[in-house]
Amino acid sequence: MSQATPPTQAIPPAGPVIILVQPQLAENIGMTARAMANFGLSELRLVSPKNGWPKKGVREAASGATHILDAASVHDTLAEAIADLHYVLATTARERGQMKRVLAPDAAMQDVVAREGQRVGILFGRERAGLDNDEVSLADAIVTFPVDPRFSSLNLAQGVLLMGYEWRRAAGLSVLPFTGEMLSPPATREAMASLVSTLEEQLAAAGFYPPEKREIIARNMRDMLHRMAMTEQDVRTMRGALRALAAHRTRAD
């Protein structure tokens, strides 16, 4: 008897290559790898990292995303790092006076996803100075972030995180890992009636109702419980609480 072939999982689209130009701090490179892993980006290229590579502390900063660091490639020049790419974006917070399209992250990543079959790279510059004009000139378009102009500087990993998030959204992969849907089905009318009856009995035993207003208050209590749209688990929990209170009152008496 032949075994059924298990269904094949869809291979997610290849994300853009993240290219850091002359990064200096191990913490920034490690946190960049972490941000990439958060959103399914896997290819990191480093252009002439300052003080060499690998760097002490970079793996700790990656918080488990060491597979990206292990696979990272190091290049002497930016031209070498982008040689095999078809389309390149340069990130910058400053206006460069260059005749290039300027895109927000969401529009840029929609464009990237539409370039099926093309290899795309995103350039990020130095921690202190960003990309220089010659490096920006190698890109097809500029990406800038709609930040507060009074404080426009972004950390490298923050920039990568924003781009990774927008790429994942544009690629249709931004599915929430969990929902707030009810895990217990709605309570039946029978269960609600039983709960209401128990509650009214316990309240009456505790002397809660003024004799002349018992029906009005009891009706209001029923309306309140029904507005709560309780689940079966809610009803069980409430009934357990009422039983515990009744038992405590009996012992106290």
Protein backbone atom coordinates (compact mmCIF):
# COMPACT_ATOMS: atom_id res chain seq x y z
CA MET A 1 0.00 0.00 0.00
CA SER A 2 1.55 3.25 -1.08
CA GLN A 3 1.81 6.14 1.33
CA ALA A 4 0.16 9.42 0.53
CA THR A 5 2.55 12.14 -0.50
CA PRO A 6 2.55 14.88 2.15
CA PRO A 7 1.46 18.29 0.88
CA THR A 8 4.34 20.56 -0.04
CA GLN A 9 4.62 23.86 1.75
CA ALA A 10 4.77 26.98 -0.38
CA ILE A 11 8.24 28.46 -0.54
CA PRO A 12 8.10 32.09 0.61
CA PRO A 13 9.35 34.64 -1.91
CA ALA A 14 12.99 35.65 -1.65
CA GLY A 15 13.29 38.90 0.22
CA PRO A 16 15.59 41.77 -0.64
CA VAL A 17 19.29 41.58 0.21
CA ILE A 18 20.30 43.82 3.11
CA ILE A 19 23.58 45.64 2.46
CA LEU A 20 25.38 47.52 5.23
CA VAL A 21 28.06 49.92 4.01
CA GLN A 22 31.03 50.21 6.37
CA PRO A 23 29.14 49.27 9.54
CA GLN A 24 31.16 49.87 12.67
CA LEU A 25 29.42 48.53 15.79
CA ALA A 26 28.97 44.82 16.43
CA GLU A 27 25.73 45.55 18.27
CA ASN A 28 24.21 47.21 15.21
CA ILE A 29 25.16 44.35 12.90
CA GLY A 30 23.85 41.76 15.34
CA MET A 31 20.58 43.61 15.87
CA THR A 32 20.25 44.00 12.09
CA ALA A 33 20.45 40.21 11.75
CA ARG A 34 17.81 39.87 14.43
CA ALA A 35 15.51 42.35 12.65
CA MET A 36 16.00 40.48 9.38
CA ALA A 37 15.10 37.15 10.97
CA ASN A 38 11.97 38.67 12.51
CA PHE A 39 10.53 39.27 9.06
CA GLY A 40 11.98 36.45 7.00
CA LEU A 41 14.93 38.20 5.36
CA SER A 42 17.99 36.02 5.13
CA GLU A 43 20.79 37.53 3.03
CA LEU A 44 23.15 40.05 4.63
CA ARG A 45 26.09 41.65 2.84
CA LEU A 46 28.72 43.79 4.56
CA VAL A 47 30.81 46.30 2.66
CA SER A 48 34.22 46.90 4.21
CA PRO A 49 33.11 46.67 7.86
CA LYS A 50 35.23 48.88 10.08
CA ASN A 51 37.74 47.07 12.30
CA GLY A 52 37.28 43.81 10.41
CA TRP A 53 34.91 40.87 10.52
CA PRO A 54 33.68 38.97 12.47
CA LYS A 55 33.29 41.32 15.43
CA LYS A 56 33.31 40.49 19.11
CA GLY A 57 29.79 40.59 20.58
CA VAL A 58 27.96 40.45 17.26
CA ARG A 59 26.47 36.99 17.86
CA GLU A 60 25.16 37.96 21.29
CA ALA A 61 23.44 41.02 19.82
CA ALA A 62 21.75 38.82 17.20
CA SER A 63 19.73 37.01 19.90
CA GLY A 64 19.65 33.71 18.04
CA ALA A 65 19.72 35.02 14.46
CA THR A 66 23.27 33.73 14.06
CA HIS A 67 22.41 31.81 10.89
CA ILE A 68 22.21 35.15 9.10
CA LEU A 69 25.59 36.22 10.46
CA ASP A 70 27.15 32.88 9.51
CA ALA A 71 25.92 33.24 5.93
CA ALA A 72 26.82 36.95 5.61
CA SER A 73 29.23 37.87 2.83
CA VAL A 74 31.92 40.55 3.08
CA HIS A 75 32.83 42.78 0.11
CA ASP A 76 35.62 45.28 -0.43
CA THR A 77 33.49 47.72 -2.42
CA LEU A 78 29.82 48.57 -2.82
CA ALA A 79 30.05 47.97 -6.55
CA GLU A 80 31.16 44.41 -5.84
CA ALA A 81 28.35 43.89 -3.31
CA ILE A 82 25.60 44.88 -5.75
CA ALA A 83 27.10 43.46 -8.96
CA ASP A 84 24.61 40.57 -9.25
CA LEU A 85 21.52 42.62 -8.34
CA HIS A 86 18.92 43.93 -10.78
CA TYR A 87 17.44 46.71 -8.66
CA VAL A 88 18.89 48.67 -5.74
CA LEU A 89 17.32 50.98 -3.17
CA ALA A 90 19.28 53.45 -1.03
CA THR A 91 17.95 54.49 2.36
CA THR A 92 18.63 58.02 3.55
CA ALA A 93 17.15 60.60 5.87
CA ARG A 94 18.56 63.55 3.89
CA GLU A 95 17.58 65.09 0.57
CA ARG A 96 20.45 64.47 -1.88
CA GLY A 97 19.55 66.68 -4.85
CA GLN A 98 19.71 63.66 -7.14
CA MET A 99 17.11 62.99 -9.81
CA LYS A 100 15.80 59.73 -8.41
CA ARG A 101 12.42 58.51 -7.33
CA VAL A 102 11.86 58.97 -3.60
CA LEU A 103 9.67 56.31 -2.03
CA ALA A 104 8.22 55.62 1.40
CA PRO A 105 8.97 52.12 2.77
CA ASP A 106 5.52 50.71 1.95
CA ALA A 107 5.54 51.90 -1.66
CA ALA A 108 9.15 50.77 -2.09
CA MET A 109 8.39 47.23 -0.90
CA GLN A 110 5.30 46.96 -3.09
CA ASP A 111 7.57 47.80 -6.02
CA VAL A 112 10.09 45.20 -4.87
CA VAL A 113 7.48 42.45 -4.59
CA ALA A 114 6.21 43.29 -8.08
CA ARG A 115 9.71 42.64 -9.47
CA GLU A 116 9.27 38.89 -9.43
CA GLY A 117 12.42 37.06 -10.49
CA GLN A 118 14.67 40.07 -9.94
CA ARG A 119 17.30 40.32 -7.24
CA VAL A 120 16.84 43.42 -5.12
CA GLY A 121 19.15 45.02 -2.59
CA ILE A 122 18.61 47.73 0.04
CA LEU A 123 21.56 49.91 1.03
CA PHE A 124 22.10 51.18 4.55
CA GLY A 125 24.92 53.56 5.36
CA ARG A 126 27.33 54.20 8.19
CA GLU A 127 26.10 54.73 11.72
CA ARG A 128 27.28 58.34 11.89
CA ALA A 129 27.13 59.61 8.32
CA GLY A 130 24.90 57.26 6.34
CA LEU A 131 25.54 56.75 2.62
CA ASP A 132 27.57 59.28 0.66
CA ASN A 133 26.27 60.80 -2.57
CA ASP A 134 28.36 58.55 -4.80
CA GLU A 135 26.91 55.47 -3.08
CA VAL A 136 23.37 56.81 -3.43
CA SER A 137 24.04 57.40 -7.12
CA LEU A 138 24.46 53.63 -7.61
CA ALA A 139 20.84 53.04 -6.53
CA ASP A 140 17.74 53.06 -8.72
CA ALA A 141 15.59 54.85 -6.15
CA ILE A 142 15.73 56.36 -2.68
CA VAL A 143 13.77 55.21 0.34
CA THR A 144 13.22 57.63 3.19
CA PHE A 145 11.17 57.32 6.33
CA PRO A 146 8.28 59.60 7.38
CA VAL A 147 9.87 60.40 10.73
CA ASP A 148 9.63 63.53 12.85
CA PRO A 149 11.92 66.03 11.06
CA ARG A 150 13.16 67.25 14.43
CA PHE A 151 14.74 63.82 15.01
CA SER A 152 15.17 61.95 11.76
CA SER A 153 18.10 59.69 12.63
CA LEU A 154 17.38 55.97 12.74
CA ASN A 155 19.54 53.19 14.12
CA LEU A 156 20.66 50.70 11.44
CA ALA A 157 18.58 47.88 12.90
CA GLN A 158 15.54 50.14 13.18
CA GLY A 159 15.76 50.98 9.50
CA VAL A 160 16.12 47.32 8.56
CA LEU A 161 13.21 46.41 10.82
CA LEU A 162 10.91 48.92 9.13
CA MET A 163 11.88 47.74 5.66
CA GLY A 164 11.53 44.09 6.63
CA TYR A 165 8.09 44.73 8.09
CA GLU A 166 6.88 46.51 4.96
CA TRP A 167 8.34 43.82 2.70
CA ARG A 168 6.52 41.11 4.62
CA ARG A 169 3.27 43.04 4.37
CA ALA A 170 3.69 43.63 0.64
CA ALA A 171 4.54 39.96 0.08
CA GLY A 172 1.31 38.88 1.76
CA LEU A 173 3.11 37.14 4.62
CA SER A 174 1.99 39.36 7.48
CA VAL A 175 -0.31 36.84 9.17
CA LEU A 176 -0.77 37.42 12.89
CA PRO A 177 0.61 34.53 14.97
CA PHE A 178 -2.52 34.30 17.12
CA THR A 179 -5.99 35.79 17.37
CA GLY A 180 -8.28 36.85 20.19
CA GLU A 181 -11.13 34.58 19.13
CA MET A 182 -13.07 32.71 21.78
CA LEU A 183 -11.68 29.27 22.54
CA SER A 184 -14.90 28.24 24.27
CA PRO A 185 -18.26 28.20 22.47
CA PRO A 186 -21.04 30.58 23.51
CA ALA A 187 -23.07 29.49 26.51
CA THR A 188 -26.43 27.89 25.76
CA ARG A 189 -29.66 29.42 27.00
CA GLU A 190 -30.00 26.48 29.39
CA ALA A 191 -26.58 27.16 30.91
CA MET A 192 -27.36 30.87 31.24
CA ALA A 193 -30.72 30.16 32.88
CA SER A 194 -29.04 27.84 35.37
CA LEU A 195 -26.41 30.45 36.18
CA VAL A 196 -28.99 33.19 36.63
CA SER A 197 -31.05 30.95 38.90
CA THR A 198 -28.03 30.08 41.04
CA LEU A 199 -26.99 33.72 41.27
CA GLU A 200 -30.46 34.85 42.29
CA GLU A 201 -30.64 32.15 44.97
CA GLN A 202 -27.24 33.11 46.40
CA LEU A 203 -28.07 36.81 46.39
CA ALA A 204 -31.40 36.18 48.08
CA ALA A 205 -29.71 34.04 50.74
CA ALA A 206 -27.23 36.84 51.35
CA GLY A 207 -30.05 39.38 51.82
CA PHE A 208 -29.09 41.36 48.77
CA TYR A 209 -32.59 42.14 47.50
CA PRO A 210 -34.88 44.74 49.08
CA PRO A 211 -38.24 42.90 49.13
CA GLU A 212 -40.08 45.53 47.10
CA LYS A 213 -37.40 45.68 44.36
CA ARG A 214 -36.39 42.05 44.00
CA GLU A 215 -38.02 41.49 40.60
CA ILE A 216 -36.61 44.69 39.11
CA ILE A 217 -33.09 44.02 40.38
CA ALA A 218 -33.20 40.37 39.32
CA ARG A 219 -34.30 41.43 35.82
CA ASN A 220 -31.48 43.94 35.62
CA MET A 221 -29.00 41.25 36.67
CA ARG A 222 -30.27 38.90 33.97
CA ASP A 223 -30.00 41.65 31.35
CA MET A 224 -26.44 42.41 32.46
CA LEU A 225 -25.35 38.78 32.21
CA HIS A 226 -26.86 38.37 28.76
CA ARG A 227 -25.14 41.52 27.50
CA MET A 228 -21.81 39.91 28.42
CA ALA A 229 -22.24 37.24 25.70
CA MET A 230 -20.74 34.64 28.02
CA THR A 231 -19.03 31.48 26.85
CA GLU A 232 -19.48 28.02 28.35
CA GLN A 233 -16.17 28.51 30.17
CA ASP A 234 -17.37 31.85 31.56
CA VAL A 235 -20.49 30.18 32.95
CA ARG A 236 -18.52 27.34 34.53
CA THR A 237 -16.14 29.80 36.14
CA MET A 238 -18.95 31.95 37.49
CA ARG A 239 -20.83 28.96 38.86
CA GLY A 240 -17.64 27.73 40.55
CA ALA A 241 -17.15 31.13 42.16
CA LEU A 242 -20.73 31.16 43.44
CA ARG A 243 -20.34 27.68 44.90
CA ALA A 244 -17.16 28.74 46.67
CA LEU A 245 -18.89 31.79 48.18
CA ALA A 246 -21.83 29.69 49.30
CA ALA A 247 -19.54 27.14 50.93
CA HIS A 248 -17.60 29.89 52.71
CA ARG A 249 -20.82 31.43 54.04
CA THR A 250 -22.01 28.03 55.29
CA ARG A 251 -18.76 27.47 57.20
CA ALA A 252 -18.92 30.97 58.63
CA ASP A 253 -22.46 30.32 59.89
